[in-house]
Amino acid sequence: MNKFNKGVLAAAVLGTSMLSSAAMAAQKIGVVNVQGVFQSLPQAAVIQENIRNEFKDQIEEIGRMEKDIKYYMEKRERDAATMSDAERKELEDKLISLRDEYAGKTQPLQQQIQTRQGEERDKLLGLIKQAIDGIAEKENYDLVLNSNAVAYMAEANNLSQQVVDQVSKIK
């Protein structure tokens, strides 16, 4: 009886594996390099330029502050031997004040820029997702995977260029 149970179990496992491989073979699977698509889109460059323009004044102000800090640090090094204690103290106070102001403006600006980039990235990724869904439905794909999750896939199943073409048409 024990041999019979093992035989039935072996037949069941073999039958199940054959059915699952037959089902897998019938599926149409595509891949998309989402990151590559994102970087290839003309909208990505436009977004970066818009964000740069949006924060241009604040970025320039921080650049001026960096130059001022550098100037005062060089002055401190250059004139240290000829400065009185009062002048040295005044220069140190000025440097501390500038550094504090710089830190107080830089961190919030970086956070604002990252937030805006995230918002715009999410919008563009939404368009990419819509394009992938549309192509998959139109061409009867059962599954579309990110190419980063796939070890190998035939180039014929790569939908990346189709996605780039479709999303590029959207303004």
N, C-alpha and C. Protein backbone atom coordinates (compact mmCIF):
# COMPACT_ATOMS: atom_id res chain seq x y z
N MET A 1 0.81 -1.19 0.00
CA MET A 1 0.00 0.00 0.00
C MET A 1 0.86 1.25 0.00
N ASN A 2 1.99 1.17 0.69
CA ASN A 2 2.88 2.30 0.79
C ASN A 2 3.42 2.68 -0.59
N LYS A 3 3.77 1.66 -1.42
CA LYS A 3 4.25 1.92 -2.77
C LYS A 3 3.16 2.56 -3.61
N PHE A 4 1.93 2.13 -3.40
CA PHE A 4 0.81 2.68 -4.14
C PHE A 4 0.64 4.18 -3.84
N ASN A 5 0.70 4.55 -2.56
CA ASN A 5 0.57 5.98 -2.17
C ASN A 5 1.69 6.81 -2.78
N LYS A 6 2.91 6.28 -2.76
CA LYS A 6 4.03 7.01 -3.34
C LYS A 6 3.85 7.18 -4.85
N GLY A 7 3.34 6.17 -5.48
CA GLY A 7 3.11 6.24 -6.92
C GLY A 7 2.04 7.25 -7.27
N VAL A 8 0.96 7.27 -6.50
CA VAL A 8 -0.11 8.24 -6.73
C VAL A 8 0.40 9.66 -6.50
N LEU A 9 1.17 9.83 -5.42
CA LEU A 9 1.72 11.14 -5.10
C LEU A 9 2.66 11.61 -6.20
N ALA A 10 3.51 10.73 -6.69
CA ALA A 10 4.45 11.07 -7.76
C ALA A 10 3.69 11.45 -9.03
N ALA A 11 2.66 10.71 -9.36
CA ALA A 11 1.86 11.01 -10.55
C ALA A 11 1.16 12.35 -10.41
N ALA A 12 0.67 12.65 -9.21
CA ALA A 12 -0.01 13.92 -8.98
C ALA A 12 0.95 15.09 -9.13
N VAL A 13 2.14 14.96 -8.56
CA VAL A 13 3.15 16.03 -8.65
C VAL A 13 3.57 16.22 -10.10
N LEU A 14 3.82 15.15 -10.80
CA LEU A 14 4.22 15.22 -12.19
C LEU A 14 3.12 15.85 -13.04
N GLY A 15 1.89 15.45 -12.83
CA GLY A 15 0.77 16.01 -13.58
C GLY A 15 0.60 17.50 -13.30
N THR A 16 0.73 17.89 -12.05
CA THR A 16 0.60 19.30 -11.69
C THR A 16 1.70 20.14 -12.33
N SER A 17 2.93 19.63 -12.31
CA SER A 17 4.03 20.40 -12.89
C SER A 17 3.87 20.52 -14.40
N MET A 18 3.34 19.47 -15.04
CA MET A 18 3.11 19.54 -16.47
C MET A 18 2.02 20.54 -16.80
N LEU A 19 0.97 20.57 -16.00
CA LEU A 19 -0.10 21.53 -16.24
C LEU A 19 0.37 22.96 -16.03
N SER A 20 1.16 23.19 -14.98
CA SER A 20 1.62 24.55 -14.71
C SER A 20 2.59 25.02 -15.79
N SER A 21 3.45 24.14 -16.29
CA SER A 21 4.37 24.55 -17.35
C SER A 21 3.61 24.79 -18.66
N ALA A 22 2.55 24.02 -18.90
CA ALA A 22 1.74 24.25 -20.09
C ALA A 22 1.01 25.58 -19.98
N ALA A 23 0.53 25.89 -18.79
CA ALA A 23 -0.16 27.17 -18.58
C ALA A 23 0.82 28.33 -18.73
N MET A 24 2.04 28.16 -18.23
CA MET A 24 3.06 29.21 -18.36
C MET A 24 3.41 29.45 -19.82
N ALA A 25 3.49 28.38 -20.59
CA ALA A 25 3.87 28.50 -22.00
C ALA A 25 2.81 29.26 -22.77
N ALA A 26 1.58 29.21 -22.34
CA ALA A 26 0.51 29.88 -23.07
C ALA A 26 0.42 31.36 -22.76
N GLN A 27 1.14 31.82 -21.75
CA GLN A 27 1.07 33.22 -21.38
C GLN A 27 2.00 34.06 -22.24
N LYS A 28 1.56 35.27 -22.53
CA LYS A 28 2.38 36.21 -23.27
C LYS A 28 2.95 37.20 -22.26
N ILE A 29 4.28 37.23 -22.16
CA ILE A 29 4.95 38.03 -21.14
C ILE A 29 5.83 39.07 -21.82
N GLY A 30 5.75 40.31 -21.34
CA GLY A 30 6.58 41.39 -21.85
C GLY A 30 7.39 42.02 -20.74
N VAL A 31 8.39 42.79 -21.13
CA VAL A 31 9.21 43.50 -20.15
C VAL A 31 9.31 44.97 -20.54
N VAL A 32 9.50 45.81 -19.52
CA VAL A 32 9.70 47.24 -19.74
C VAL A 32 10.79 47.69 -18.77
N ASN A 33 11.75 48.43 -19.29
CA ASN A 33 12.77 49.05 -18.45
C ASN A 33 12.21 50.40 -18.02
N VAL A 34 11.51 50.42 -16.90
CA VAL A 34 10.79 51.62 -16.45
C VAL A 34 11.77 52.78 -16.22
N GLN A 35 12.89 52.51 -15.58
CA GLN A 35 13.85 53.57 -15.31
C GLN A 35 14.42 54.12 -16.62
N GLY A 36 14.75 53.24 -17.55
CA GLY A 36 15.25 53.69 -18.85
C GLY A 36 14.21 54.48 -19.61
N VAL A 37 12.96 54.04 -19.55
CA VAL A 37 11.87 54.77 -20.20
C VAL A 37 11.77 56.17 -19.60
N PHE A 38 11.76 56.25 -18.27
CA PHE A 38 11.65 57.53 -17.57
C PHE A 38 12.75 58.49 -18.02
N GLN A 39 13.99 58.00 -18.07
CA GLN A 39 15.11 58.85 -18.43
C GLN A 39 15.10 59.24 -19.91
N SER A 40 14.46 58.44 -20.74
CA SER A 40 14.41 58.71 -22.18
C SER A 40 13.34 59.71 -22.56
N LEU A 41 12.40 59.95 -21.67
CA LEU A 41 11.28 60.81 -22.01
C LEU A 41 11.68 62.28 -22.07
N PRO A 42 11.22 62.99 -23.08
CA PRO A 42 11.51 64.43 -23.15
C PRO A 42 10.86 65.18 -21.98
N GLN A 43 9.76 64.66 -21.45
CA GLN A 43 9.10 65.31 -20.32
C GLN A 43 10.00 65.35 -19.09
N ALA A 44 10.87 64.36 -18.92
CA ALA A 44 11.76 64.31 -17.75
C ALA A 44 12.71 65.51 -17.76
N ALA A 45 13.26 65.82 -18.93
CA ALA A 45 14.16 66.98 -19.05
C ALA A 45 13.40 68.29 -18.82
N VAL A 46 12.19 68.36 -19.33
CA VAL A 46 11.37 69.56 -19.14
C VAL A 46 11.05 69.76 -17.66
N ILE A 47 10.75 68.67 -16.98
CA ILE A 47 10.45 68.74 -15.55
C ILE A 47 11.65 69.27 -14.78
N GLN A 48 12.84 68.75 -15.08
CA GLN A 48 14.06 69.21 -14.40
C GLN A 48 14.28 70.69 -14.65
N GLU A 49 14.10 71.12 -15.87
CA GLU A 49 14.28 72.54 -16.21
C GLU A 49 13.25 73.41 -15.49
N ASN A 50 12.02 72.97 -15.45
CA ASN A 50 10.98 73.73 -14.75
C ASN A 50 11.28 73.86 -13.26
N ILE A 51 11.73 72.79 -12.66
CA ILE A 51 12.06 72.83 -11.23
C ILE A 51 13.26 73.75 -10.99
N ARG A 52 14.25 73.68 -11.88
CA ARG A 52 15.40 74.59 -11.77
C ARG A 52 14.95 76.04 -11.85
N ASN A 53 14.06 76.33 -12.78
CA ASN A 53 13.56 77.71 -12.93
C ASN A 53 12.71 78.12 -11.73
N GLU A 54 11.93 77.19 -11.20
CA GLU A 54 11.05 77.48 -10.07
C GLU A 54 11.85 77.90 -8.83
N PHE A 55 13.00 77.29 -8.63
CA PHE A 55 13.82 77.56 -7.44
C PHE A 55 15.09 78.35 -7.77
N LYS A 56 15.13 78.95 -8.95
CA LYS A 56 16.32 79.65 -9.44
C LYS A 56 16.81 80.71 -8.46
N ASP A 57 15.92 81.57 -8.01
CA ASP A 57 16.33 82.67 -7.13
C ASP A 57 16.91 82.17 -5.82
N GLN A 58 16.28 81.16 -5.25
CA GLN A 58 16.77 80.61 -3.98
C GLN A 58 18.12 79.92 -4.17
N ILE A 59 18.30 79.24 -5.29
CA ILE A 59 19.57 78.57 -5.57
C ILE A 59 20.68 79.61 -5.76
N GLU A 60 20.37 80.70 -6.46
CA GLU A 60 21.35 81.76 -6.65
C GLU A 60 21.72 82.42 -5.33
N GLU A 61 20.74 82.63 -4.46
CA GLU A 61 21.02 83.22 -3.15
C GLU A 61 21.95 82.32 -2.33
N ILE A 62 21.72 81.04 -2.37
CA ILE A 62 22.59 80.11 -1.66
C ILE A 62 23.98 80.12 -2.27
N GLY A 63 24.06 80.23 -3.58
CA GLY A 63 25.37 80.32 -4.25
C GLY A 63 26.13 81.56 -3.81
N ARG A 64 25.43 82.69 -3.67
CA ARG A 64 26.08 83.92 -3.19
C ARG A 64 26.57 83.74 -1.75
N MET A 65 25.75 83.07 -0.94
CA MET A 65 26.15 82.83 0.45
C MET A 65 27.40 81.95 0.51
N GLU A 66 27.48 80.95 -0.35
CA GLU A 66 28.67 80.10 -0.39
C GLU A 66 29.91 80.91 -0.74
N LYS A 67 29.77 81.80 -1.72
CA LYS A 67 30.90 82.66 -2.10
C LYS A 67 31.31 83.57 -0.95
N ASP A 68 30.33 84.13 -0.25
CA ASP A 68 30.64 84.99 0.89
C ASP A 68 31.38 84.22 1.98
N ILE A 69 30.90 83.04 2.28
CA ILE A 69 31.56 82.22 3.31
C ILE A 69 32.99 81.92 2.90
N LYS A 70 33.18 81.55 1.65
CA LYS A 70 34.52 81.25 1.15
C LYS A 70 35.41 82.49 1.23
N TYR A 71 34.87 83.63 0.85
CA TYR A 71 35.65 84.88 0.90
C TYR A 71 36.10 85.18 2.33
N TYR A 72 35.19 85.09 3.29
CA TYR A 72 35.53 85.40 4.68
C TYR A 72 36.50 84.37 5.27
N MET A 73 36.39 83.12 4.85
CA MET A 73 37.34 82.10 5.33
C MET A 73 38.74 82.38 4.78
N GLU A 74 38.81 82.75 3.50
CA GLU A 74 40.10 83.09 2.91
C GLU A 74 40.68 84.34 3.56
N LYS A 75 39.83 85.31 3.84
CA LYS A 75 40.27 86.54 4.49
C LYS A 75 40.83 86.23 5.88
N ARG A 76 40.16 85.34 6.61
CA ARG A 76 40.62 84.96 7.93
C ARG A 76 42.01 84.32 7.85
N GLU A 77 42.21 83.43 6.87
CA GLU A 77 43.50 82.78 6.70
C GLU A 77 44.58 83.77 6.26
N ARG A 78 44.21 84.62 5.32
CA ARG A 78 45.16 85.56 4.72
C ARG A 78 45.60 86.63 5.72
N ASP A 79 44.64 87.19 6.47
CA ASP A 79 44.91 88.34 7.33
C ASP A 79 45.05 87.98 8.81
N ALA A 80 45.10 86.71 9.13
CA ALA A 80 45.12 86.30 10.53
C ALA A 80 46.27 86.93 11.30
N ALA A 81 47.44 87.06 10.70
CA ALA A 81 48.62 87.59 11.40
C ALA A 81 48.49 89.08 11.70
N THR A 82 47.77 89.80 10.86
CA THR A 82 47.68 91.25 11.04
C THR A 82 46.41 91.71 11.74
N MET A 83 45.49 90.80 12.03
CA MET A 83 44.22 91.18 12.67
C MET A 83 44.37 91.33 14.17
N SER A 84 43.62 92.27 14.68
CA SER A 84 43.54 92.39 16.14
C SER A 84 42.56 91.33 16.64
N ASP A 85 42.55 91.12 17.93
CA ASP A 85 41.63 90.14 18.51
C ASP A 85 40.18 90.53 18.24
N ALA A 86 39.87 91.81 18.30
CA ALA A 86 38.51 92.28 18.06
C ALA A 86 38.10 92.02 16.61
N GLU A 87 39.00 92.27 15.67
CA GLU A 87 38.70 92.03 14.25
C GLU A 87 38.51 90.53 13.99
N ARG A 88 39.38 89.72 14.61
CA ARG A 88 39.28 88.27 14.45
C ARG A 88 37.94 87.77 15.01
N LYS A 89 37.57 88.27 16.17
CA LYS A 89 36.29 87.88 16.80
C LYS A 89 35.11 88.30 15.92
N GLU A 90 35.18 89.51 15.40
CA GLU A 90 34.10 90.01 14.53
C GLU A 90 33.97 89.15 13.27
N LEU A 91 35.12 88.77 12.68
CA LEU A 91 35.12 87.94 11.48
C LEU A 91 34.58 86.55 11.79
N GLU A 92 34.97 85.97 12.92
CA GLU A 92 34.46 84.66 13.33
C GLU A 92 32.95 84.71 13.54
N ASP A 93 32.48 85.76 14.18
CA ASP A 93 31.03 85.91 14.40
C ASP A 93 30.29 86.01 13.07
N LYS A 94 30.88 86.77 12.15
CA LYS A 94 30.27 86.91 10.81
C LYS A 94 30.21 85.55 10.10
N LEU A 95 31.29 84.79 10.19
CA LEU A 95 31.31 83.46 9.57
C LEU A 95 30.28 82.53 10.20
N ILE A 96 30.19 82.54 11.51
CA ILE A 96 29.21 81.70 12.20
C ILE A 96 27.80 82.09 11.79
N SER A 97 27.54 83.37 11.72
CA SER A 97 26.22 83.87 11.32
C SER A 97 25.89 83.44 9.90
N LEU A 98 26.86 83.60 8.98
CA LEU A 98 26.65 83.20 7.58
C LEU A 98 26.41 81.69 7.47
N ARG A 99 27.19 80.90 8.18
CA ARG A 99 27.02 79.45 8.13
C ARG A 99 25.65 79.02 8.66
N ASP A 100 25.23 79.65 9.74
CA ASP A 100 23.91 79.33 10.30
C ASP A 100 22.81 79.69 9.31
N GLU A 101 22.92 80.88 8.71
CA GLU A 101 21.92 81.31 7.73
C GLU A 101 21.93 80.38 6.51
N TYR A 102 23.13 80.00 6.09
CA TYR A 102 23.28 79.08 4.95
C TYR A 102 22.60 77.74 5.25
N ALA A 103 22.90 77.19 6.41
CA ALA A 103 22.29 75.91 6.80
C ALA A 103 20.77 76.04 6.92
N GLY A 104 20.32 77.18 7.44
CA GLY A 104 18.88 77.40 7.61
C GLY A 104 18.13 77.53 6.29
N LYS A 105 18.82 77.92 5.24
CA LYS A 105 18.16 78.06 3.94
C LYS A 105 18.39 76.84 3.04
N THR A 106 19.53 76.20 3.18
CA THR A 106 19.87 75.09 2.29
C THR A 106 19.01 73.86 2.53
N GLN A 107 18.87 73.45 3.76
CA GLN A 107 18.12 72.23 4.05
C GLN A 107 16.65 72.34 3.63
N PRO A 108 15.94 73.41 3.99
CA PRO A 108 14.54 73.50 3.53
C PRO A 108 14.42 73.55 2.00
N LEU A 109 15.37 74.23 1.35
CA LEU A 109 15.34 74.30 -0.11
C LEU A 109 15.53 72.91 -0.71
N GLN A 110 16.46 72.15 -0.20
CA GLN A 110 16.68 70.79 -0.70
C GLN A 110 15.41 69.95 -0.52
N GLN A 111 14.76 70.10 0.61
CA GLN A 111 13.53 69.35 0.86
C GLN A 111 12.42 69.78 -0.11
N GLN A 112 12.31 71.08 -0.36
CA GLN A 112 11.29 71.56 -1.31
C GLN A 112 11.56 71.02 -2.71
N ILE A 113 12.82 71.05 -3.11
CA ILE A 113 13.17 70.55 -4.45
C ILE A 113 12.88 69.06 -4.55
N GLN A 114 13.25 68.30 -3.53
CA GLN A 114 12.99 66.86 -3.55
C GLN A 114 11.50 66.56 -3.58
N THR A 115 10.72 67.34 -2.84
CA THR A 115 9.27 67.15 -2.84
C THR A 115 8.70 67.40 -4.23
N ARG A 116 9.12 68.50 -4.86
CA ARG A 116 8.62 68.83 -6.21
C ARG A 116 9.05 67.77 -7.22
N GLN A 117 10.30 67.32 -7.11
CA GLN A 117 10.77 66.28 -8.03
C GLN A 117 9.96 65.00 -7.84
N GLY A 118 9.66 64.67 -6.61
CA GLY A 118 8.84 63.48 -6.32
C GLY A 118 7.45 63.60 -6.90
N GLU A 119 6.84 64.78 -6.76
CA GLU A 119 5.50 64.99 -7.31
C GLU A 119 5.51 64.82 -8.82
N GLU A 120 6.47 65.45 -9.47
CA GLU A 120 6.55 65.38 -10.94
C GLU A 120 6.92 63.97 -11.41
N ARG A 121 7.80 63.31 -10.67
CA ARG A 121 8.18 61.93 -11.02
C ARG A 121 6.96 61.01 -10.94
N ASP A 122 6.17 61.19 -9.87
CA ASP A 122 4.98 60.36 -9.70
C ASP A 122 3.98 60.56 -10.84
N LYS A 123 3.82 61.81 -11.29
CA LYS A 123 2.92 62.08 -12.42
C LYS A 123 3.41 61.36 -13.67
N LEU A 124 4.71 61.46 -13.93
CA LEU A 124 5.27 60.84 -15.12
C LEU A 124 5.21 59.31 -15.04
N LEU A 125 5.46 58.76 -13.85
CA LEU A 125 5.35 57.32 -13.68
C LEU A 125 3.91 56.84 -13.88
N GLY A 126 2.96 57.69 -13.51
CA GLY A 126 1.55 57.37 -13.76
C GLY A 126 1.27 57.27 -15.25
N LEU A 127 1.84 58.20 -16.03
CA LEU A 127 1.68 58.14 -17.48
C LEU A 127 2.34 56.89 -18.07
N ILE A 128 3.50 56.55 -17.53
CA ILE A 128 4.20 55.34 -17.99
C ILE A 128 3.34 54.11 -17.70
N LYS A 129 2.77 54.05 -16.52
CA LYS A 129 1.91 52.92 -16.13
C LYS A 129 0.71 52.83 -17.06
N GLN A 130 0.09 53.96 -17.35
CA GLN A 130 -1.07 53.95 -18.27
C GLN A 130 -0.66 53.44 -19.65
N ALA A 131 0.51 53.87 -20.12
CA ALA A 131 0.98 53.42 -21.44
C ALA A 131 1.24 51.91 -21.42
N ILE A 132 1.86 51.42 -20.37
CA ILE A 132 2.13 49.98 -20.26
C ILE A 132 0.82 49.20 -20.25
N ASP A 133 -0.14 49.67 -19.47
CA ASP A 133 -1.45 48.99 -19.40
C ASP A 133 -2.11 48.98 -20.77
N GLY A 134 -2.06 50.11 -21.48
CA GLY A 134 -2.69 50.20 -22.80
C GLY A 134 -2.04 49.28 -23.81
N ILE A 135 -0.72 49.25 -23.83
CA ILE A 135 0.00 48.38 -24.76
C ILE A 135 -0.27 46.92 -24.42
N ALA A 136 -0.23 46.58 -23.14
CA ALA A 136 -0.47 45.19 -22.72
C ALA A 136 -1.87 44.74 -23.12
N GLU A 137 -2.83 45.60 -22.95
CA GLU A 137 -4.21 45.24 -23.31
C GLU A 137 -4.36 45.11 -24.82
N LYS A 138 -3.81 46.06 -25.54
CA LYS A 138 -3.94 46.09 -27.00
C LYS A 138 -3.26 44.87 -27.65
N GLU A 139 -2.10 44.47 -27.11
CA GLU A 139 -1.34 43.38 -27.71
C GLU A 139 -1.52 42.06 -26.97
N ASN A 140 -2.50 42.02 -26.07
CA ASN A 140 -2.86 40.79 -25.34
C ASN A 140 -1.72 40.19 -24.52
N TYR A 141 -0.99 41.03 -23.81
CA TYR A 141 0.02 40.51 -22.88
C TYR A 141 -0.67 40.11 -21.59
N ASP A 142 -0.28 38.95 -21.06
CA ASP A 142 -0.83 38.47 -19.80
C ASP A 142 -0.08 39.06 -18.62
N LEU A 143 1.19 39.38 -18.83
CA LEU A 143 2.04 39.84 -17.76
C LEU A 143 3.12 40.74 -18.34
N VAL A 144 3.35 41.89 -17.68
CA VAL A 144 4.44 42.78 -18.06
C VAL A 144 5.27 43.03 -16.81
N LEU A 145 6.56 42.74 -16.91
CA LEU A 145 7.48 42.86 -15.78
C LEU A 145 8.47 43.99 -16.01
N ASN A 146 8.97 44.54 -14.92
CA ASN A 146 10.06 45.50 -14.99
C ASN A 146 11.32 44.72 -15.38
N SER A 147 12.06 45.20 -16.33
CA SER A 147 13.23 44.46 -16.82
C SER A 147 14.28 44.25 -15.74
N ASN A 148 14.28 45.08 -14.71
CA ASN A 148 15.24 44.89 -13.61
C ASN A 148 14.95 43.61 -12.82
N ALA A 149 13.74 43.09 -12.94
CA ALA A 149 13.35 41.89 -12.20
C ALA A 149 13.51 40.62 -13.04
N VAL A 150 14.03 40.76 -14.25
CA VAL A 150 14.12 39.62 -15.17
C VAL A 150 15.58 39.36 -15.51
N ALA A 151 15.99 38.10 -15.41
CA ALA A 151 17.37 37.75 -15.75
C ALA A 151 17.59 37.75 -17.26
N TYR A 152 16.63 37.26 -18.02
CA TYR A 152 16.75 37.23 -19.47
C TYR A 152 15.36 37.27 -20.09
N MET A 153 15.25 37.99 -21.18
CA MET A 153 14.00 38.01 -21.93
C MET A 153 14.37 38.35 -23.38
N ALA A 154 13.72 37.70 -24.31
CA ALA A 154 13.97 37.97 -25.73
C ALA A 154 13.63 39.42 -26.04
N GLU A 155 14.42 40.02 -26.88
CA GLU A 155 14.23 41.44 -27.23
C GLU A 155 12.85 41.69 -27.84
N ALA A 156 12.29 40.68 -28.47
CA ALA A 156 10.96 40.82 -29.09
C ALA A 156 9.89 41.14 -28.05
N ASN A 157 10.11 40.76 -26.81
CA ASN A 157 9.13 41.00 -25.76
C ASN A 157 9.40 42.28 -24.98
N ASN A 158 10.40 43.07 -25.40
CA ASN A 158 10.73 44.31 -24.73
C ASN A 158 9.81 45.42 -25.25
N LEU A 159 9.01 45.96 -24.38
CA LEU A 159 8.02 46.97 -24.75
C LEU A 159 8.49 48.38 -24.47
N SER A 160 9.73 48.55 -24.02
CA SER A 160 10.22 49.84 -23.56
C SER A 160 10.09 50.94 -24.62
N GLN A 161 10.52 50.66 -25.84
CA GLN A 161 10.47 51.70 -26.87
C GLN A 161 9.04 52.09 -27.21
N GLN A 162 8.14 51.12 -27.20
CA GLN A 162 6.72 51.44 -27.45
C GLN A 162 6.19 52.37 -26.36
N VAL A 163 6.58 52.11 -25.12
CA VAL A 163 6.14 52.95 -24.01
C VAL A 163 6.71 54.35 -24.17
N VAL A 164 8.00 54.46 -24.50
CA VAL A 164 8.62 55.77 -24.71
C VAL A 164 7.87 56.52 -25.81
N ASP A 165 7.62 55.85 -26.92
CA ASP A 165 6.92 56.50 -28.04
C ASP A 165 5.54 56.99 -27.63
N GLN A 166 4.81 56.18 -26.90
CA GLN A 166 3.44 56.55 -26.51
C GLN A 166 3.44 57.69 -25.51
N VAL A 167 4.28 57.62 -24.49
CA VAL A 167 4.28 58.67 -23.46
C VAL A 167 4.86 59.97 -24.00
N SER A 168 5.81 59.88 -24.94
CA SER A 168 6.42 61.08 -25.53
C SER A 168 5.39 61.93 -26.28
N LYS A 169 4.36 61.28 -26.80
CA LYS A 169 3.31 62.00 -27.54
C LYS A 169 2.42 62.83 -26.62
N ILE A 170 2.40 62.48 -25.33
CA ILE A 170 1.56 63.18 -24.36
C ILE A 170 2.29 64.46 -23.95
N LYS A 171 1.57 65.54 -23.90
CA LYS A 171 2.19 66.83 -23.51
C LYS A 171 2.02 67.08 -22.06
